[in-house]
C-alpha atoms as a PDB file:
ATOM      1  CA  UNK A   1      35.878-203.806 138.320  1.00  0.00           C
ATOM      2  CA  UNK A   2      33.890-201.715 140.593  1.00  0.00           C
ATOM      3  CA  UNK A   3      30.688-203.280 142.039  1.00  0.00           C
ATOM      4  CA  UNK A   4      27.376-201.792 140.839  1.00  0.00           C
ATOM      5  CA  UNK A   5      24.935-201.359 143.612  1.00  0.00           C
ATOM      6  CA  UNK A   6      21.918-202.596 141.775  1.00  0.00           C
ATOM      7  CA  UNK A   7      19.782-202.013 144.838  1.00  0.00           C
ATOM      8  CA  UNK A   8      20.636-198.386 145.031  1.00  0.00           C
ATOM      9  CA  UNK A   9      20.074-197.727 141.242  1.00  0.00           C
ATOM     10  CA  UNK A  10      16.981-199.585 141.134  1.00  0.00           C
ATOM     11  CA  UNK A  11      15.573-197.257 144.148  1.00  0.00           C
ATOM     12  CA  UNK A  12      16.611-194.248 142.276  1.00  0.00           C
ATOM     13  CA  UNK A  13      15.052-195.388 139.318  1.00  0.00           C
ATOM     14  CA  UNK A  14      11.796-196.247 141.177  1.00  0.00           C
ATOM     15  CA  UNK A  15      11.596-193.080 142.857  1.00  0.00           C
ATOM     16  CA  UNK A  16      12.114-191.085 139.474  1.00  0.00           C
ATOM     17  CA  UNK A  17       8.881-193.290 138.257  1.00  0.00           C
ATOM     18  CA  UNK A  18       7.154-192.429 141.331  1.00  0.00           C
ATOM     19  CA  UNK A  19       7.868-188.795 140.933  1.00  0.00           C
ATOM     20  CA  UNK A  20       7.019-188.797 137.470  1.00  0.00           C
ATOM     21  CA  UNK A  21       3.647-190.320 138.415  1.00  0.00           C
ATOM     22  CA  UNK A  22       3.097-188.128 141.007  1.00  0.00           C
ATOM     23  CA  UNK A  23       3.667-185.080 138.707  1.00  0.00           C
ATOM     24  CA  UNK A  24       1.199-186.883 136.322  1.00  0.00           C
ATOM     25  CA  UNK A  25      -1.559-187.090 138.838  1.00  0.00           C
ATOM     26  CA  UNK A  26      -1.151-183.320 139.900  1.00  0.00           C
ATOM     27  CA  UNK A  27      -1.592-182.144 136.259  1.00  0.00           C
ATOM     28  CA  UNK A  28      -4.416-184.400 135.657  1.00  0.00           C
ATOM     29  CA  UNK A  29      -6.304-182.909 138.693  1.00  0.00           C
ATOM     30  CA  UNK A  30      -5.957-179.327 137.490  1.00  0.00           C
ATOM     31  CA  UNK A  31      -6.442-180.541 133.549  1.00  0.00           C
ATOM     32  CA  UNK A  32      -9.444-182.865 133.749  1.00  0.00           C
ATOM     33  CA  UNK A  33     -11.217-181.995 136.793  1.00  0.00           C
ATOM     34  CA  UNK A  34     -13.850-179.450 135.572  1.00  0.00           C
ATOM     35  CA  UNK A  35     -15.194-179.092 138.746  1.00  0.00           C
ATOM     36  CA  UNK A  36     -11.964-178.121 140.532  1.00  0.00           C
ATOM     37  CA  UNK A  37     -12.365-174.580 142.539  1.00  0.00           C
ATOM     38  CA  UNK A  38     -10.126-171.654 142.837  1.00  0.00           C
ATOM     39  CA  UNK A  39      -8.727-172.152 146.135  1.00  0.00           C
ATOM     40  CA  UNK A  40      -8.098-175.638 145.561  1.00  0.00           C
ATOM     41  CA  UNK A  41      -6.061-174.656 142.258  1.00  0.00           C
ATOM     42  CA  UNK A  42      -4.092-172.089 144.376  1.00  0.00           C
ATOM     43  CA  UNK A  43      -2.985-175.095 147.054  1.00  0.00           C
ATOM     44  CA  UNK A  44      -1.959-177.259 144.226  1.00  0.00           C
ATOM     45  CA  UNK A  45       0.085-174.491 142.529  1.00  0.00           C
ATOM     46  CA  UNK A  46       1.892-173.590 146.121  1.00  0.00           C
ATOM     47  CA  UNK A  47       3.199-177.052 146.492  1.00  0.00           C
ATOM     48  CA  UNK A  48       4.100-177.432 142.698  1.00  0.00           C
ATOM     49  CA  UNK A  49       5.714-174.091 142.445  1.00  0.00           C
ATOM     50  CA  UNK A  50       9.459-175.577 143.300  1.00  0.00           C
ATOM     51  CA  UNK A  51       9.287-178.199 140.183  1.00  0.00           C
ATOM     52  CA  UNK A  52       6.674-176.414 137.869  1.00  0.00           C
ATOM     53  CA  UNK A  53       8.973-175.095 135.483  1.00  0.00           C
ATOM     54  CA  UNK A  54      11.184-178.455 135.098  1.00  0.00           C
ATOM     55  CA  UNK A  55       7.963-180.446 134.887  1.00  0.00           C
ATOM     56  CA  UNK A  56       6.652-178.139 132.146  1.00  0.00           C
ATOM     57  CA  UNK A  57      10.059-178.357 130.286  1.00  0.00           C
ATOM     58  CA  UNK A  58       9.906-181.844 129.870  1.00  0.00           C
ATOM     59  CA  UNK A  59       6.753-181.323 127.664  1.00  0.00           C
ATOM     60  CA  UNK A  60       7.770-178.726 125.867  1.00  0.00           C
ATOM     61  CA  UNK A  61      10.433-176.005 126.837  1.00  0.00           C
ATOM     62  CA  UNK A  62       9.209-173.623 123.969  1.00  0.00           C
ATOM     63  CA  UNK A  63       5.494-173.844 124.725  1.00  0.00           C
ATOM     64  CA  UNK A  64       5.497-170.144 125.403  1.00  0.00           C
ATOM     65  CA  UNK A  65       7.503-168.845 122.244  1.00  0.00           C
ATOM     66  CA  UNK A  66       4.371-168.068 120.318  1.00  0.00           C
ATOM     67  CA  UNK A  67       2.959-165.629 122.537  1.00  0.00           C
ATOM     68  CA  UNK A  68       5.895-163.485 122.232  1.00  0.00           C
ATOM     69  CA  UNK A  69       6.303-164.131 118.726  1.00  0.00           C
ATOM     70  CA  UNK A  70       3.019-162.938 118.147  1.00  0.00           C
ATOM     71  CA  UNK A  71       3.094-160.004 120.525  1.00  0.00           C
ATOM     72  CA  UNK A  72       6.467-158.675 118.520  1.00  0.00           C
ATOM     73  CA  UNK A  73       5.203-159.393 114.839  1.00  0.00           C
ATOM     74  CA  UNK A  74       1.745-157.066 115.924  1.00  0.00           C
ATOM     75  CA  UNK A  75       3.922-154.163 117.467  1.00  0.00           C
ATOM     76  CA  UNK A  76       6.753-154.302 114.836  1.00  0.00           C
ATOM     77  CA  UNK A  77       4.048-154.038 112.102  1.00  0.00           C
ATOM     78  CA  UNK A  78       3.023-150.766 113.969  1.00  0.00           C
ATOM     79  CA  UNK A  79       6.608-149.550 113.733  1.00  0.00           C
ATOM     80  CA  UNK A  80       6.921-149.857 117.403  1.00  0.00           C
ATOM     81  CA  UNK A  81      10.302-150.535 119.493  1.00  0.00           C
ATOM     82  CA  UNK A  82       9.298-153.605 121.395  1.00  0.00           C
ATOM     83  CA  UNK A  83      12.060-152.475 124.353  1.00  0.00           C
ATOM     84  CA  UNK A  84      10.055-148.993 124.763  1.00  0.00           C
ATOM     85  CA  UNK A  85       7.051-150.680 125.421  1.00  0.00           C
ATOM     86  CA  UNK A  86       5.221-151.768 128.845  1.00  0.00           C
ATOM     87  CA  UNK A  87       3.755-155.194 128.774  1.00  0.00           C
ATOM     88  CA  UNK A  88       1.734-157.081 131.285  1.00  0.00           C
ATOM     89  CA  UNK A  89       2.075-161.125 131.579  1.00  0.00           C
ATOM     90  CA  UNK A  90      -1.305-162.281 133.252  1.00  0.00           C
ATOM     91  CA  UNK A  91      -1.273-165.339 135.128  1.00  0.00           C
ATOM     92  CA  UNK A  92       2.478-165.429 134.532  1.00  0.00           C
ATOM     93  CA  UNK A  93       3.281-168.617 136.632  1.00  0.00           C
ATOM     94  CA  UNK A  94       7.078-169.082 136.914  1.00  0.00           C
ATOM     95  CA  UNK A  95       8.157-166.953 133.973  1.00  0.00           C
ATOM     96  CA  UNK A  96       8.118-169.053 130.795  1.00  0.00           C
ATOM     97  CA  UNK A  97       6.355-165.941 128.879  1.00  0.00           C
ATOM     98  CA  UNK A  98       8.331-163.463 130.408  1.00  0.00           C
ATOM     99  CA  UNK A  99      11.630-165.326 129.110  1.00  0.00           C
ATOM    100  CA  UNK A 100      10.273-165.713 125.634  1.00  0.00           C
ATOM    101  CA  UNK A 101       9.239-161.629 125.820  1.00  0.00           C
ATOM    102  CA  UNK A 102      12.751-160.529 126.523  1.00  0.00           C
ATOM    103  CA  UNK A 103      14.148-162.927 123.763  1.00  0.00           C
ATOM    104  CA  UNK A 104      11.993-160.771 121.442  1.00  0.00           C
ATOM    105  CA  UNK A 105      13.191-157.636 123.033  1.00  0.00           C
ATOM    106  CA  UNK A 106      10.755-156.657 125.299  1.00  0.00           C
ATOM    107  CA  UNK A 107      12.105-155.364 128.368  1.00  0.00           C
ATOM    108  CA  UNK A 108       9.863-153.465 130.544  1.00  0.00           C
ATOM    109  CA  UNK A 109       7.416-156.633 131.557  1.00  0.00           C
ATOM    110  CA  UNK A 110       5.096-156.718 134.946  1.00  0.00           C
ATOM    111  CA  UNK A 111       4.112-160.150 136.152  1.00  0.00           C
ATOM    112  CA  UNK A 112       1.011-160.740 137.772  1.00  0.00           C
ATOM    113  CA  UNK A 113      -0.314-164.002 139.144  1.00  0.00           C
ATOM    114  CA  UNK A 114      -2.423-165.412 142.171  1.00  0.00           C
ATOM    115  CA  UNK A 115       0.226-167.400 143.545  1.00  0.00           C
ATOM    116  CA  UNK A 116       3.111-165.804 145.392  1.00  0.00           C
ATOM    117  CA  UNK A 117       5.302-169.169 145.313  1.00  0.00           C
ATOM    118  CA  UNK A 118       4.980-169.217 141.582  1.00  0.00           C
ATOM    119  CA  UNK A 119       5.973-165.310 141.501  1.00  0.00           C
ATOM    120  CA  UNK A 120       9.088-166.195 143.302  1.00  0.00           C
ATOM    121  CA  UNK A 121      10.230-168.398 141.093  1.00  0.00           C
ATOM    122  CA  UNK A 122       9.523-166.054 138.465  1.00  0.00           C
ATOM    123  CA  UNK A 123      11.842-163.555 139.965  1.00  0.00           C
ATOM    124  CA  UNK A 124      14.683-165.905 139.963  1.00  0.00           C
ATOM    125  CA  UNK A 125      14.556-165.708 135.778  1.00  0.00           C
ATOM    126  CA  UNK A 126      15.295-162.056 135.606  1.00  0.00           C
ATOM    127  CA  UNK A 127      13.062-160.977 132.871  1.00  0.00           C
ATOM    128  CA  UNK A 128      10.403-159.119 135.232  1.00  0.00           C
ATOM    129  CA  UNK A 129      10.681-155.170 136.332  1.00  0.00           C
ATOM    130  CA  UNK A 130       7.505-155.629 138.681  1.00  0.00           C
ATOM    131  CA  UNK A 131       5.559-158.319 140.424  1.00  0.00           C
ATOM    132  CA  UNK A 132       1.519-158.247 141.514  1.00  0.00           C
ATOM    133  CA  UNK A 133       0.133-161.079 143.394  1.00  0.00           C
ATOM    134  CA  UNK A 134      -3.576-160.642 142.849  1.00  0.00           C
ATOM    135  CA  UNK A 135      -6.742-162.603 141.992  1.00  0.00           C
ATOM    136  CA  UNK A 136      -7.448-161.768 137.966  1.00  0.00           C
ATOM    137  CA  UNK A 137     -10.976-161.599 137.098  1.00  0.00           C
ATOM    138  CA  UNK A 138     -13.657-159.440 136.047  1.00  0.00           C
ATOM    139  CA  UNK A 139     -12.518-156.665 138.057  1.00  0.00           C
ATOM    140  CA  UNK A 140      -9.451-154.704 137.334  1.00  0.00           C
ATOM    141  CA  UNK A 141      -6.693-155.675 140.307  1.00  0.00           C
ATOM    142  CA  UNK A 142      -6.734-152.528 142.572  1.00  0.00           C
ATOM    143  CA  UNK A 143      -2.895-152.519 142.417  1.00  0.00           C
ATOM    144  CA  UNK A 144      -3.359-152.086 138.332  1.00  0.00           C
ATOM    145  CA  UNK A 145      -4.910-149.449 136.777  1.00  0.00           C
ATOM    146  CA  UNK A 146      -6.725-149.019 133.187  1.00  0.00           C
ATOM    147  CA  UNK A 147      -5.092-148.176 130.146  1.00  0.00           C
ATOM    148  CA  UNK A 148      -1.425-148.643 131.581  1.00  0.00           C
ATOM    149  CA  UNK A 149       0.201-151.216 129.272  1.00  0.00           C
ATOM    150  CA  UNK A 150       0.861-151.299 125.579  1.00  0.00           C
ATOM    151  CA  UNK A 151       0.723-155.118 125.347  1.00  0.00           C
ATOM    152  CA  UNK A 152      -1.255-157.485 127.562  1.00  0.00           C
ATOM    153  CA  UNK A 153      -0.746-160.921 127.634  1.00  0.00           C
ATOM    154  CA  UNK A 154      -1.647-164.385 129.053  1.00  0.00           C
ATOM    155  CA  UNK A 155      -0.728-167.990 128.388  1.00  0.00           C
ATOM    156  CA  UNK A 156      -2.478-170.945 130.247  1.00  0.00           C
ATOM    157  CA  UNK A 157      -4.649-168.854 132.517  1.00  0.00           C
ATOM    158  CA  UNK A 158      -7.780-170.314 131.277  1.00  0.00           C
ATOM    159  CA  UNK A 159      -8.469-173.615 132.540  1.00  0.00           C
ATOM    160  CA  UNK A 160     -10.691-175.418 134.790  1.00  0.00           C
ATOM    161  CA  UNK A 161     -11.020-173.723 138.212  1.00  0.00           C
ATOM    162  CA  UNK A 162      -8.554-170.903 137.040  1.00  0.00           C
ATOM    163  CA  UNK A 163      -9.523-167.516 135.480  1.00  0.00           C
ATOM    164  CA  UNK A 164     -13.053-166.529 134.451  1.00  0.00           C
ATOM    165  CA  UNK A 165     -13.482-165.581 130.711  1.00  0.00           C
ATOM    166  CA  UNK A 166     -14.544-162.350 131.737  1.00  0.00           C
ATOM    167  CA  UNK A 167     -10.728-161.367 132.168  1.00  0.00           C
ATOM    168  CA  UNK A 168     -10.506-161.050 128.386  1.00  0.00           C
ATOM    169  CA  UNK A 169     -12.381-157.959 129.109  1.00  0.00           C
ATOM    170  CA  UNK A 170     -10.110-156.846 131.977  1.00  0.00           C
ATOM    171  CA  UNK A 171      -7.020-157.427 129.957  1.00  0.00           C
ATOM    172  CA  UNK A 172      -8.517-155.179 127.378  1.00  0.00           C
ATOM    173  CA  UNK A 173      -9.272-152.445 130.164  1.00  0.00           C
ATOM    174  CA  UNK A 174      -5.860-152.708 131.349  1.00  0.00           C
ATOM    175  CA  UNK A 175      -4.185-151.961 127.872  1.00  0.00           C
ATOM    176  CA  UNK A 176      -3.955-148.689 126.017  1.00  0.00           C
ATOM    177  CA  UNK A 177      -6.029-147.870 123.238  1.00  0.00           C
ATOM    178  CA  UNK A 178      -4.244-149.105 120.009  1.00  0.00           C
ATOM    179  CA  UNK A 179      -2.418-151.760 122.160  1.00  0.00           C
ATOM    180  CA  UNK A 180      -2.193-155.460 121.807  1.00  0.00           C
ATOM    181  CA  UNK A 181      -3.723-158.173 123.824  1.00  0.00           C
ATOM    182  CA  UNK A 182      -2.454-162.121 123.254  1.00  0.00           C
ATOM    183  CA  UNK A 183      -4.498-164.954 124.584  1.00  0.00           C
ATOM    184  CA  UNK A 184      -3.198-168.535 124.306  1.00  0.00           C
ATOM    185  CA  UNK A 185      -4.960-171.446 125.845  1.00  0.00           C
ATOM    186  CA  UNK A 186      -5.282-175.259 125.336  1.00  0.00           C
ATOM    187  CA  UNK A 187      -8.003-175.645 122.642  1.00  0.00           C
ATOM    188  CA  UNK A 188      -9.389-178.710 124.809  1.00  0.00           C
ATOM    189  CA  UNK A 189     -10.622-176.365 127.562  1.00  0.00           C
ATOM    190  CA  UNK A 190     -12.990-174.523 125.356  1.00  0.00           C
ATOM    191  CA  UNK A 191     -14.766-178.264 124.550  1.00  0.00           C
ATOM    192  CA  UNK A 192     -15.467-179.442 127.936  1.00  0.00           C
ATOM    193  CA  UNK A 193     -15.302-176.533 130.306  1.00  0.00           C
ATOM    194  CA  UNK A 194     -18.699-174.989 130.324  1.00  0.00           C
ATOM    195  CA  UNK A 195     -17.393-171.279 130.935  1.00  0.00           C
ATOM    196  CA  UNK A 196     -14.841-171.445 128.064  1.00  0.00           C
ATOM    197  CA  UNK A 197     -17.214-173.066 125.778  1.00  0.00           C
ATOM    198  CA  UNK A 198     -18.586-169.548 124.920  1.00  0.00           C
ATOM    199  CA  UNK A 199     -15.097-168.087 124.117  1.00  0.00           C
ATOM    200  CA  UNK A 200     -15.735-167.429 120.459  1.00  0.00           C
ATOM    201  CA  UNK A 201     -19.165-165.678 120.896  1.00  0.00           C
ATOM    202  CA  UNK A 202     -17.714-163.480 123.759  1.00  0.00           C
ATOM    203  CA  UNK A 203     -14.808-162.360 121.623  1.00  0.00           C
ATOM    204  CA  UNK A 204     -17.120-161.435 119.129  1.00  0.00           C
ATOM    205  CA  UNK A 205     -19.663-159.613 121.266  1.00  0.00           C
ATOM    206  CA  UNK A 206     -16.435-157.715 122.572  1.00  0.00           C
ATOM    207  CA  UNK A 207     -15.583-156.588 119.014  1.00  0.00           C
ATOM    208  CA  UNK A 208     -19.009-155.745 118.139  1.00  0.00           C
ATOM    209  CA  UNK A 209     -19.148-153.348 121.430  1.00  0.00           C
ATOM    210  CA  UNK A 210     -16.155-151.693 120.073  1.00  0.00           C
ATOM    211  CA  UNK A 211     -13.881-152.961 122.892  1.00  0.00           C
ATOM    212  CA  UNK A 212     -11.327-154.193 120.264  1.00  0.00           C
ATOM    213  CA  UNK A 213     -10.644-155.554 116.846  1.00  0.00           C
ATOM    214  CA  UNK A 214      -9.791-159.366 116.295  1.00  0.00           C
ATOM    215  CA  UNK A 215      -6.424-159.212 114.789  1.00  0.00           C
ATOM    216  CA  UNK A 216      -6.464-163.085 114.307  1.00  0.00           C
ATOM    217  CA  UNK A 217      -7.533-166.389 115.708  1.00  0.00           C
ATOM    218  CA  UNK A 218      -5.468-169.357 115.363  1.00  0.00           C
ATOM    219  CA  UNK A 219      -5.096-173.029 116.294  1.00  0.00           C
ATOM    220  CA  UNK A 220      -1.592-174.292 116.783  1.00  0.00           C
ATOM    221  CA  UNK A 221      -1.060-177.850 116.667  1.00  0.00           C
ATOM    222  CA  UNK A 222       0.910-179.891 119.584  1.00  0.00           C
ATOM    223  CA  UNK A 223       1.754-176.822 121.425  1.00  0.00           C
ATOM    224  CA  UNK A 224       2.043-179.190 124.535  1.00  0.00           C
ATOM    225  CA  UNK A 225       2.456-182.968 123.852  1.00  0.00           C
ATOM    226  CA  UNK A 226      -0.567-183.684 121.882  1.00  0.00           C
ATOM    227  CA  UNK A 227      -2.510-180.799 122.934  1.00  0.00           C
ATOM    228  CA  UNK A 228      -3.336-177.864 120.735  1.00  0.00           C
ATOM    229  CA  UNK A 229      -3.256-174.123 121.397  1.00  0.00           C
ATOM    230  CA  UNK A 230      -5.868-171.599 120.675  1.00  0.00           C
ATOM    231  CA  UNK A 231      -4.632-168.325 120.206  1.00  0.00           C
ATOM    232  CA  UNK A 232      -6.400-164.984 119.830  1.00  0.00           C
ATOM    233  CA  UNK A 233      -4.665-161.630 118.707  1.00  0.00           C
ATOM    234  CA  UNK A 234      -6.702-158.117 119.471  1.00  0.00           C
ATOM    235  CA  UNK A 235      -5.788-154.583 119.167  1.00  0.00           C
ATOM    236  CA  UNK A 236      -7.840-152.444 121.756  1.00  0.00           C
ATOM    237  CA  UNK A 237     -10.072-149.783 120.328  1.00  0.00           C
END
């Protein structure tokens, strides 16, 4: 019988456990540190980009599907062909949403993210036509222009130290009149990140001032592990 190198096996198992603990620490630093700054977030993503997708897939490989499905359902209800529409994926990261958008028939997708290393990984997935590395917030990015896209989506952009709540208005300005905006975020951030606690009145304020019509507000259970997703769908006016 072949001899088993138990020492080597134990070493590999210990390394696997250590890597898992390191990833957990990285994740917790982003998720639970409400005081984290934008530059600190960017530094984390630069070093995490190479393993980010596999780490997220271990939690839920289909975590972004609902964003594409909601976008698809709204445009099809308008009797539009997803393949003929332009889509902007904000805070695209390594491309999870883009992959799902393609599955639902969208083809003309632009990815934007603040971290070039994350976008480099997204390029490998073959689902985007264009890539824009820029900070996203209150002002419309200079490399983009208003009313360009039929659909604007964001999944996971709202987290401590990430993107300001006012970027919802920016998303609406980048979308054509009559177009669709979808935002999905972890529900927990609306409870403990000060800025996002105002998301519901802010969404309503934009509706009352004629920016958009709220098509739906939904909470999805266990979108990522034990975390729920808060999802809004809007039609730009």
